[in-house]
All heavy atoms as atom14 arrays in JSON, in Angstrom:
{
  "sequence": "GGRVGFLAWVTYALAAWRDGHISGEKAVQAIGIATRRIVHHFSE",
  "atom14_mask": [
    [1, 1, 1, 1, 0, 0, 0, 0, 0, 0, 0, 0, 0, 0],
    [1, 1, 1, 1, 0, 0, 0, 0, 0, 0, 0, 0, 0, 0],
    [1, 1, 1, 1, 1, 1, 1, 1, 1, 1, 1, 0, 0, 0],
    [1, 1, 1, 1, 1, 1, 1, 0, 0, 0, 0, 0, 0, 0],
    [1, 1, 1, 1, 0, 0, 0, 0, 0, 0, 0, 0, 0, 0],
    [1, 1, 1, 1, 1, 1, 1, 1, 1, 1, 1, 0, 0, 0],
    [1, 1, 1, 1, 1, 1, 1, 1, 0, 0, 0, 0, 0, 0],
    [1, 1, 1, 1, 1, 0, 0, 0, 0, 0, 0, 0, 0, 0],
    [1, 1, 1, 1, 1, 1, 1, 1, 1, 1, 1, 1, 1, 1],
    [1, 1, 1, 1, 1, 1, 1, 0, 0, 0, 0, 0, 0, 0],
    [1, 1, 1, 1, 1, 1, 1, 0, 0, 0, 0, 0, 0, 0],
    [1, 1, 1, 1, 1, 1, 1, 1, 1, 1, 1, 1, 0, 0],
    [1, 1, 1, 1, 1, 0, 0, 0, 0, 0, 0, 0, 0, 0],
    [1, 1, 1, 1, 1, 1, 1, 1, 0, 0, 0, 0, 0, 0],
    [1, 1, 1, 1, 1, 0, 0, 0, 0, 0, 0, 0, 0, 0],
    [1, 1, 1, 1, 1, 0, 0, 0, 0, 0, 0, 0, 0, 0],
    [1, 1, 1, 1, 1, 1, 1, 1, 1, 1, 1, 1, 1, 1],
    [1, 1, 1, 1, 1, 1, 1, 1, 1, 1, 1, 0, 0, 0],
    [1, 1, 1, 1, 1, 1, 1, 1, 0, 0, 0, 0, 0, 0],
    [1, 1, 1, 1, 0, 0, 0, 0, 0, 0, 0, 0, 0, 0],
    [1, 1, 1, 1, 1, 1, 1, 1, 1, 1, 0, 0, 0, 0],
    [1, 1, 1, 1, 1, 1, 1, 1, 0, 0, 0, 0, 0, 0],
    [1, 1, 1, 1, 1, 1, 0, 0, 0, 0, 0, 0, 0, 0],
    [1, 1, 1, 1, 0, 0, 0, 0, 0, 0, 0, 0, 0, 0],
    [1, 1, 1, 1, 1, 1, 1, 1, 1, 0, 0, 0, 0, 0],
    [1, 1, 1, 1, 1, 1, 1, 1, 1, 0, 0, 0, 0, 0],
    [1, 1, 1, 1, 1, 0, 0, 0, 0, 0, 0, 0, 0, 0],
    [1, 1, 1, 1, 1, 1, 1, 0, 0, 0, 0, 0, 0, 0],
    [1, 1, 1, 1, 1, 1, 1, 1, 1, 0, 0, 0, 0, 0],
    [1, 1, 1, 1, 1, 0, 0, 0, 0, 0, 0, 0, 0, 0],
    [1, 1, 1, 1, 1, 1, 1, 1, 0, 0, 0, 0, 0, 0],
    [1, 1, 1, 1, 0, 0, 0, 0, 0, 0, 0, 0, 0, 0],
    [1, 1, 1, 1, 1, 1, 1, 1, 0, 0, 0, 0, 0, 0],
    [1, 1, 1, 1, 1, 0, 0, 0, 0, 0, 0, 0, 0, 0],
    [1, 1, 1, 1, 1, 1, 1, 0, 0, 0, 0, 0, 0, 0],
    [1, 1, 1, 1, 1, 1, 1, 1, 1, 1, 1, 0, 0, 0],
    [1, 1, 1, 1, 1, 1, 1, 1, 1, 1, 1, 0, 0, 0],
    [1, 1, 1, 1, 1, 1, 1, 1, 0, 0, 0, 0, 0, 0],
    [1, 1, 1, 1, 1, 1, 1, 0, 0, 0, 0, 0, 0, 0],
    [1, 1, 1, 1, 1, 1, 1, 1, 1, 1, 0, 0, 0, 0],
    [1, 1, 1, 1, 1, 1, 1, 1, 1, 1, 0, 0, 0, 0],
    [1, 1, 1, 1, 1, 1, 1, 1, 1, 1, 1, 0, 0, 0],
    [1, 1, 1, 1, 1, 1, 0, 0, 0, 0, 0, 0, 0, 0],
    [1, 1, 1, 1, 1, 1, 1, 1, 1, 0, 0, 0, 0, 0]
  ],
  "atom14_positions": [
    [[6.66, -0.95, 14.84], [6.55, 0.34, 14.18], [7.01, 0.29, 12.74], [6.44, 0.95, 11.87], [0.0, 0.0, 0.0], [0.0, 0.0, 0.0], [0.0, 0.0, 0.0], [0.0, 0.0, 0.0], [0.0, 0.0, 0.0], [0.0, 0.0, 0.0], [0.0, 0.0, 0.0], [0.0, 0.0, 0.0], [0.0, 0.0, 0.0], [0.0, 0.0, 0.0]],
    [[8.06, -0.48, 12.47], [8.53, -0.63, 11.1], [7.5, -1.3, 10.22], [7.26, -0.89, 9.07], [0.0, 0.0, 0.0], [0.0, 0.0, 0.0], [0.0, 0.0, 0.0], [0.0, 0.0, 0.0], [0.0, 0.0, 0.0], [0.0, 0.0, 0.0], [0.0, 0.0, 0.0], [0.0, 0.0, 0.0], [0.0, 0.0, 0.0], [0.0, 0.0, 0.0]],
    [[6.85, -2.35, 10.73], [5.82, -3.04, 9.96], [4.64, -2.11, 9.68], [4.11, -2.07, 8.56], [5.36, -4.28, 10.71], [6.4, -5.4, 10.76], [5.85, -6.66, 11.38], [5.68, -6.55, 12.82], [6.63, -6.82, 13.71], [7.83, -7.19, 13.31], [6.4, -6.71, 15.01], [0.0, 0.0, 0.0], [0.0, 0.0, 0.0], [0.0, 0.0, 0.0]],
    [[4.24, -1.35, 10.69], [3.14, -0.41, 10.51], [3.49, 0.63, 9.45], [2.67, 0.98, 8.6], [2.78, 0.27, 11.85], [1.84, 1.45, 11.64], [2.14, -0.74, 12.79], [0.0, 0.0, 0.0], [0.0, 0.0, 0.0], [0.0, 0.0, 0.0], [0.0, 0.0, 0.0], [0.0, 0.0, 0.0], [0.0, 0.0, 0.0], [0.0, 0.0, 0.0]],
    [[4.73, 1.12, 9.49], [5.16, 2.13, 8.52], [5.12, 1.64, 7.08], [4.67, 2.37, 6.19], [0.0, 0.0, 0.0], [0.0, 0.0, 0.0], [0.0, 0.0, 0.0], [0.0, 0.0, 0.0], [0.0, 0.0, 0.0], [0.0, 0.0, 0.0], [0.0, 0.0, 0.0], [0.0, 0.0, 0.0], [0.0, 0.0, 0.0], [0.0, 0.0, 0.0]],
    [[5.56, 0.43, 6.83], [5.54, -0.1, 5.47], [4.12, -0.41, 5.02], [3.75, -0.17, 3.86], [6.42, -1.34, 5.38], [7.87, -1.04, 5.18], [8.71, -0.79, 6.26], [8.42, -0.98, 3.9], [10.05, -0.5, 6.08], [9.76, -0.7, 3.71], [10.59, -0.45, 4.8], [0.0, 0.0, 0.0], [0.0, 0.0, 0.0], [0.0, 0.0, 0.0]],
    [[3.31, -0.94, 5.92], [1.93, -1.26, 5.57], [1.06, -0.02, 5.42], [0.0, -0.08, 4.78], [1.32, -2.18, 6.64], [1.75, -3.65, 6.59], [1.42, -4.33, 7.91], [1.05, -4.37, 5.43], [0.0, 0.0, 0.0], [0.0, 0.0, 0.0], [0.0, 0.0, 0.0], [0.0, 0.0, 0.0], [0.0, 0.0, 0.0], [0.0, 0.0, 0.0]],
    [[1.5, 1.1, 5.98], [0.69, 2.32, 5.91], [0.37, 2.69, 4.47], [-0.73, 3.2, 4.18], [1.42, 3.47, 6.6], [0.0, 0.0, 0.0], [0.0, 0.0, 0.0], [0.0, 0.0, 0.0], [0.0, 0.0, 0.0], [0.0, 0.0, 0.0], [0.0, 0.0, 0.0], [0.0, 0.0, 0.0], [0.0, 0.0, 0.0], [0.0, 0.0, 0.0]],
    [[1.3, 2.45, 3.54], [1.04, 2.81, 2.14], [-0.08, 1.96, 1.55], [-0.87, 2.44, 0.71], [2.31, 2.68, 1.3], [3.3, 3.75, 1.6], [4.49, 3.62, 2.26], [3.19, 5.14, 1.26], [5.13, 4.85, 2.35], [4.35, 5.79, 1.74], [2.22, 5.9, 0.6], [4.55, 7.16, 1.58], [2.42, 7.26, 0.45], [3.58, 7.88, 0.92]],
    [[-0.2, 0.72, 1.97], [-1.33, -0.1, 1.56], [-2.62, 0.48, 2.14], [-3.65, 0.61, 1.43], [-1.16, -1.56, 2.02], [-2.36, -2.41, 1.62], [0.13, -2.16, 1.45], [0.0, 0.0, 0.0], [0.0, 0.0, 0.0], [0.0, 0.0, 0.0], [0.0, 0.0, 0.0], [0.0, 0.0, 0.0], [0.0, 0.0, 0.0], [0.0, 0.0, 0.0]],
    [[-2.58, 0.84, 3.4], [-3.73, 1.45, 4.06], [-4.17, 2.71, 3.33], [-5.36, 2.93, 3.06], [-3.39, 1.79, 5.52], [-2.89, 0.63, 6.17], [-4.6, 2.32, 6.25], [0.0, 0.0, 0.0], [0.0, 0.0, 0.0], [0.0, 0.0, 0.0], [0.0, 0.0, 0.0], [0.0, 0.0, 0.0], [0.0, 0.0, 0.0], [0.0, 0.0, 0.0]],
    [[-3.2, 3.57, 2.99], [-3.52, 4.83, 2.32], [-4.11, 4.6, 0.94], [-5.03, 5.31, 0.51], [-2.28, 5.71, 2.22], [-1.68, 6.13, 3.55], [-0.4, 6.65, 3.63], [-2.41, 6.01, 4.73], [0.15, 7.04, 4.85], [-1.88, 6.39, 5.95], [-0.6, 6.9, 6.01], [-0.07, 7.29, 7.21], [0.0, 0.0, 0.0], [0.0, 0.0, 0.0]],
    [[-3.57, 3.62, 0.22], [-4.09, 3.32, -1.11], [-5.56, 2.92, -1.03], [-6.4, 3.38, -1.82], [-3.26, 2.22, -1.76], [0.0, 0.0, 0.0], [0.0, 0.0, 0.0], [0.0, 0.0, 0.0], [0.0, 0.0, 0.0], [0.0, 0.0, 0.0], [0.0, 0.0, 0.0], [0.0, 0.0, 0.0], [0.0, 0.0, 0.0], [0.0, 0.0, 0.0]],
    [[-5.88, 2.06, -0.07], [-7.26, 1.6, 0.07], [-8.18, 2.72, 0.56], [-9.31, 2.88, 0.06], [-7.31, 0.4, 1.02], [-6.68, -0.89, 0.48], [-6.54, -1.92, 1.6], [-7.51, -1.46, -0.67], [0.0, 0.0, 0.0], [0.0, 0.0, 0.0], [0.0, 0.0, 0.0], [0.0, 0.0, 0.0], [0.0, 0.0, 0.0], [0.0, 0.0, 0.0]],
    [[-7.73, 3.5, 1.53], [-8.55, 4.6, 2.05], [-8.75, 5.67, 0.98], [-9.86, 6.22, 0.84], [-7.9, 5.2, 3.29], [0.0, 0.0, 0.0], [0.0, 0.0, 0.0], [0.0, 0.0, 0.0], [0.0, 0.0, 0.0], [0.0, 0.0, 0.0], [0.0, 0.0, 0.0], [0.0, 0.0, 0.0], [0.0, 0.0, 0.0], [0.0, 0.0, 0.0]],
    [[-7.71, 5.98, 0.22], [-7.83, 6.99, -0.82], [-8.77, 6.53, -1.94], [-9.54, 7.32, -2.5], [-6.45, 7.32, -1.39], [0.0, 0.0, 0.0], [0.0, 0.0, 0.0], [0.0, 0.0, 0.0], [0.0, 0.0, 0.0], [0.0, 0.0, 0.0], [0.0, 0.0, 0.0], [0.0, 0.0, 0.0], [0.0, 0.0, 0.0], [0.0, 0.0, 0.0]],
    [[-8.7, 5.24, -2.27], [-9.63, 4.69, -3.27], [-11.06, 4.74, -2.74], [-11.99, 5.17, -3.45], [-9.22, 3.26, -3.59], [-10.25, 2.47, -4.33], [-10.67, 2.65, -5.63], [-11.03, 1.38, -3.81], [-11.65, 1.74, -5.95], [-11.89, 0.95, -4.85], [-11.08, 0.73, -2.59], [-12.79, -0.11, -4.69], [-11.96, -0.31, -2.4], [-12.81, -0.73, -3.45]],
    [[-11.27, 4.34, -1.51], [-12.6, 4.39, -0.89], [-13.16, 5.81, -0.91], [-14.35, 6.02, -1.18], [-12.5, 3.89, 0.55], [-13.79, 3.99, 1.37], [-13.48, 3.97, 2.85], [-12.69, 5.12, 3.25], [-11.97, 5.2, 4.38], [-11.92, 4.17, 5.19], [-11.31, 6.3, 4.67], [0.0, 0.0, 0.0], [0.0, 0.0, 0.0], [0.0, 0.0, 0.0]],
    [[-12.3, 6.8, -0.63], [-12.74, 8.19, -0.54], [-12.81, 8.89, -1.89], [-13.16, 10.08, -1.96], [-11.8, 8.97, 0.39], [-11.84, 8.45, 1.82], [-12.83, 7.78, 2.18], [-10.87, 8.7, 2.57], [0.0, 0.0, 0.0], [0.0, 0.0, 0.0], [0.0, 0.0, 0.0], [0.0, 0.0, 0.0], [0.0, 0.0, 0.0], [0.0, 0.0, 0.0]],
    [[-12.44, 8.19, -2.96], [-12.54, 8.77, -4.3], [-11.4, 9.68, -4.7], [-11.51, 10.44, -5.66], [0.0, 0.0, 0.0], [0.0, 0.0, 0.0], [0.0, 0.0, 0.0], [0.0, 0.0, 0.0], [0.0, 0.0, 0.0], [0.0, 0.0, 0.0], [0.0, 0.0, 0.0], [0.0, 0.0, 0.0], [0.0, 0.0, 0.0], [0.0, 0.0, 0.0]],
    [[-10.27, 9.6, -3.99], [-9.13, 10.47, -4.31], [-8.21, 9.86, -5.36], [-7.46, 10.59, -6.02], [-8.33, 10.78, -3.04], [-9.1, 11.55, -2.02], [-9.74, 12.74, -2.32], [-9.35, 11.3, -0.71], [-10.34, 13.19, -1.23], [-10.12, 12.34, -0.25], [0.0, 0.0, 0.0], [0.0, 0.0, 0.0], [0.0, 0.0, 0.0], [0.0, 0.0, 0.0]],
    [[-8.2, 8.53, -5.48], [-7.46, 7.87, -6.55], [-8.35, 6.79, -7.15], [-9.3, 6.31, -6.51], [-6.12, 7.26, -6.06], [-6.37, 6.16, -5.0], [-5.19, 8.33, -5.52], [-5.11, 5.41, -4.6], [0.0, 0.0, 0.0], [0.0, 0.0, 0.0], [0.0, 0.0, 0.0], [0.0, 0.0, 0.0], [0.0, 0.0, 0.0], [0.0, 0.0, 0.0]],
    [[-8.04, 6.4, -8.36], [-8.82, 5.36, -9.04], [-8.46, 3.98, -8.51], [-7.44, 3.79, -7.84], [-8.55, 5.42, -10.54], [-7.19, 5.06, -10.79], [0.0, 0.0, 0.0], [0.0, 0.0, 0.0], [0.0, 0.0, 0.0], [0.0, 0.0, 0.0], [0.0, 0.0, 0.0], [0.0, 0.0, 0.0], [0.0, 0.0, 0.0], [0.0, 0.0, 0.0]],
    [[-9.3, 3.01, -8.86], [-8.99, 1.63, -8.49], [-7.69, 1.17, -9.11], [-6.91, 0.44, -8.48], [0.0, 0.0, 0.0], [0.0, 0.0, 0.0], [0.0, 0.0, 0.0], [0.0, 0.0, 0.0], [0.0, 0.0, 0.0], [0.0, 0.0, 0.0], [0.0, 0.0, 0.0], [0.0, 0.0, 0.0], [0.0, 0.0, 0.0], [0.0, 0.0, 0.0]],
    [[-7.45, 1.6, -10.35], [-6.2, 1.24, -11.02], [-4.99, 1.79, -10.27], [-3.98, 1.09, -10.09], [-6.21, 1.77, -12.45], [-4.98, 1.43, -13.25], [-5.02, 2.0, -14.66], [-6.01, 2.66, -15.0], [-4.05, 1.78, -15.41], [0.0, 0.0, 0.0], [0.0, 0.0, 0.0], [0.0, 0.0, 0.0], [0.0, 0.0, 0.0], [0.0, 0.0, 0.0]],
    [[-5.08, 3.05, -9.82], [-3.98, 3.65, -9.06], [-3.81, 2.97, -7.71], [-2.69, 2.82, -7.21], [-4.22, 5.15, -8.88], [-4.1, 5.98, -10.16], [-2.67, 6.08, -10.61], [-2.51, 6.95, -11.85], [-2.86, 8.37, -11.63], [0.0, 0.0, 0.0], [0.0, 0.0, 0.0], [0.0, 0.0, 0.0], [0.0, 0.0, 0.0], [0.0, 0.0, 0.0]],
    [[-4.92, 2.57, -7.11], [-4.83, 1.88, -5.82], [-4.1, 0.55, -5.97], [-3.24, 0.2, -5.16], [-6.23, 1.66, -5.25], [0.0, 0.0, 0.0], [0.0, 0.0, 0.0], [0.0, 0.0, 0.0], [0.0, 0.0, 0.0], [0.0, 0.0, 0.0], [0.0, 0.0, 0.0], [0.0, 0.0, 0.0], [0.0, 0.0, 0.0], [0.0, 0.0, 0.0]],
    [[-4.45, -0.2, -7.03], [-3.77, -1.48, -7.28], [-2.29, -1.25, -7.54], [-1.42, -1.99, -7.05], [-4.43, -2.2, -8.46], [-3.59, -3.41, -8.89], [-5.84, -2.64, -8.1], [0.0, 0.0, 0.0], [0.0, 0.0, 0.0], [0.0, 0.0, 0.0], [0.0, 0.0, 0.0], [0.0, 0.0, 0.0], [0.0, 0.0, 0.0], [0.0, 0.0, 0.0]],
    [[-1.97, -0.19, -8.29], [-0.57, 0.16, -8.55], [0.17, 0.42, -7.25], [1.28, -0.08, -7.03], [-0.51, 1.4, -9.44], [0.87, 2.02, -9.58], [0.82, 3.36, -10.32], [0.51, 3.4, -11.51], [1.11, 4.45, -9.61], [0.0, 0.0, 0.0], [0.0, 0.0, 0.0], [0.0, 0.0, 0.0], [0.0, 0.0, 0.0], [0.0, 0.0, 0.0]],
    [[-0.43, 1.22, -6.36], [0.21, 1.57, -5.09], [0.39, 0.34, -4.21], [1.43, 0.16, -3.57], [-0.62, 2.63, -4.37], [0.0, 0.0, 0.0], [0.0, 0.0, 0.0], [0.0, 0.0, 0.0], [0.0, 0.0, 0.0], [0.0, 0.0, 0.0], [0.0, 0.0, 0.0], [0.0, 0.0, 0.0], [0.0, 0.0, 0.0], [0.0, 0.0, 0.0]],
    [[-0.62, -0.51, -4.15], [-0.52, -1.73, -3.35], [0.61, -2.61, -3.86], [1.35, -3.22, -3.08], [-1.86, -2.48, -3.35], [-2.92, -1.66, -2.6], [-1.72, -3.86, -2.73], [-4.33, -2.15, -2.78], [0.0, 0.0, 0.0], [0.0, 0.0, 0.0], [0.0, 0.0, 0.0], [0.0, 0.0, 0.0], [0.0, 0.0, 0.0], [0.0, 0.0, 0.0]],
    [[0.78, -2.65, -5.18], [1.88, -3.42, -5.76], [3.23, -2.88, -5.36], [4.14, -3.64, -5.0], [0.0, 0.0, 0.0], [0.0, 0.0, 0.0], [0.0, 0.0, 0.0], [0.0, 0.0, 0.0], [0.0, 0.0, 0.0], [0.0, 0.0, 0.0], [0.0, 0.0, 0.0], [0.0, 0.0, 0.0], [0.0, 0.0, 0.0], [0.0, 0.0, 0.0]],
    [[3.38, -1.55, -5.41], [4.66, -0.93, -5.02], [4.94, -1.21, -3.55], [6.05, -1.62, -3.17], [4.61, 0.59, -5.27], [4.5, 0.89, -6.77], [5.87, 1.26, -4.69], [4.21, 2.35, -7.08], [0.0, 0.0, 0.0], [0.0, 0.0, 0.0], [0.0, 0.0, 0.0], [0.0, 0.0, 0.0], [0.0, 0.0, 0.0], [0.0, 0.0, 0.0]],
    [[3.94, -0.98, -2.71], [4.12, -1.2, -1.27], [4.42, -2.66, -0.96], [5.27, -2.96, -0.11], [2.88, -0.74, -0.52], [0.0, 0.0, 0.0], [0.0, 0.0, 0.0], [0.0, 0.0, 0.0], [0.0, 0.0, 0.0], [0.0, 0.0, 0.0], [0.0, 0.0, 0.0], [0.0, 0.0, 0.0], [0.0, 0.0, 0.0], [0.0, 0.0, 0.0]],
    [[3.75, -3.56, -1.66], [3.95, -4.99, -1.39], [5.35, -5.44, -1.78], [5.97, -6.25, -1.07], [2.89, -5.82, -2.13], [1.59, -5.44, -1.66], [3.1, -7.31, -1.9], [0.0, 0.0, 0.0], [0.0, 0.0, 0.0], [0.0, 0.0, 0.0], [0.0, 0.0, 0.0], [0.0, 0.0, 0.0], [0.0, 0.0, 0.0], [0.0, 0.0, 0.0]],
    [[5.88, -4.92, -2.85], [7.26, -5.28, -3.23], [8.24, -4.85, -2.15], [9.2, -5.58, -1.83], [7.62, -4.64, -4.57], [6.95, -5.34, -5.77], [7.53, -4.88, -7.08], [7.17, -3.51, -7.42], [6.03, -3.17, -8.03], [5.14, -4.1, -8.36], [5.77, -1.91, -8.33], [0.0, 0.0, 0.0], [0.0, 0.0, 0.0], [0.0, 0.0, 0.0]],
    [[8.02, -3.7, -1.56], [8.89, -3.25, -0.47], [8.71, -4.14, 0.76], [9.68, -4.47, 1.46], [8.55, -1.8, -0.12], [8.84, -0.81, -1.24], [8.35, 0.58, -0.87], [8.56, 1.54, -1.93], [8.09, 2.8, -1.91], [7.4, 3.21, -0.87], [8.32, 3.61, -2.93], [0.0, 0.0, 0.0], [0.0, 0.0, 0.0], [0.0, 0.0, 0.0]],
    [[7.47, -4.51, 1.04], [7.19, -5.37, 2.2], [7.85, -6.74, 2.03], [8.44, -7.28, 2.96], [5.67, -5.5, 2.4], [5.08, -4.15, 2.84], [5.33, -6.58, 3.41], [3.57, -4.07, 2.75], [0.0, 0.0, 0.0], [0.0, 0.0, 0.0], [0.0, 0.0, 0.0], [0.0, 0.0, 0.0], [0.0, 0.0, 0.0], [0.0, 0.0, 0.0]],
    [[7.75, -7.3, 0.83], [8.38, -8.59, 0.56], [9.89, -8.49, 0.76], [10.52, -9.38, 1.35], [8.05, -9.07, -0.87], [8.93, -10.26, -1.25], [6.58, -9.44, -0.98], [0.0, 0.0, 0.0], [0.0, 0.0, 0.0], [0.0, 0.0, 0.0], [0.0, 0.0, 0.0], [0.0, 0.0, 0.0], [0.0, 0.0, 0.0], [0.0, 0.0, 0.0]],
    [[10.47, -7.39, 0.31], [11.92, -7.2, 0.43], [12.36, -7.2, 1.9], [13.39, -7.79, 2.24], [12.33, -5.89, -0.23], [13.79, -5.57, -0.09], [14.78, -6.25, -0.78], [14.44, -4.66, 0.69], [15.96, -5.77, -0.44], [15.78, -4.8, 0.45], [0.0, 0.0, 0.0], [0.0, 0.0, 0.0], [0.0, 0.0, 0.0], [0.0, 0.0, 0.0]],
    [[11.56, -6.55, 2.76], [11.98, -6.39, 4.16], [11.4, -7.43, 5.1], [11.98, -7.72, 6.15], [11.56, -5.0, 4.66], [12.34, -3.88, 4.07], [13.63, -3.58, 4.44], [12.02, -2.97, 3.1], [14.07, -2.54, 3.75], [13.11, -2.15, 2.93], [0.0, 0.0, 0.0], [0.0, 0.0, 0.0], [0.0, 0.0, 0.0], [0.0, 0.0, 0.0]],
    [[10.25, -8.01, 4.74], [9.52, -8.83, 5.71], [9.12, -10.2, 5.17], [8.19, -10.81, 5.7], [8.25, -8.1, 6.16], [8.48, -6.75, 6.77], [8.25, -5.6, 6.04], [8.93, -6.63, 8.08], [8.45, -4.35, 6.59], [9.13, -5.39, 8.64], [8.9, -4.24, 7.91], [0.0, 0.0, 0.0], [0.0, 0.0, 0.0], [0.0, 0.0, 0.0]],
    [[9.79, -10.69, 4.18], [9.37, -11.96, 3.57], [9.39, -13.12, 4.57], [8.62, -14.07, 4.44], [10.26, -12.3, 2.37], [11.61, -12.43, 2.78], [0.0, 0.0, 0.0], [0.0, 0.0, 0.0], [0.0, 0.0, 0.0], [0.0, 0.0, 0.0], [0.0, 0.0, 0.0], [0.0, 0.0, 0.0], [0.0, 0.0, 0.0], [0.0, 0.0, 0.0]],
    [[10.26, -13.03, 5.59], [10.35, -14.1, 6.59], [9.64, -13.76, 7.89], [9.74, -14.5, 8.87], [11.83, -14.4, 6.88], [12.67, -14.77, 5.66], [12.14, -16.03, 4.97], [11.68, -16.93, 5.69], [12.16, -16.07, 3.72], [0.0, 0.0, 0.0], [0.0, 0.0, 0.0], [0.0, 0.0, 0.0], [0.0, 0.0, 0.0], [0.0, 0.0, 0.0]]
  ]
}
């Protein structure tokens, strides 16, 4: 559940970009933020 929760922001960024709610640039920004958090908690 913890892994799903952190990855959800990546999912939302991609779905929102697909649906036209955020730009590709904003999606990349969000994926970067989410990935930094994922690396912090799940690097191993």
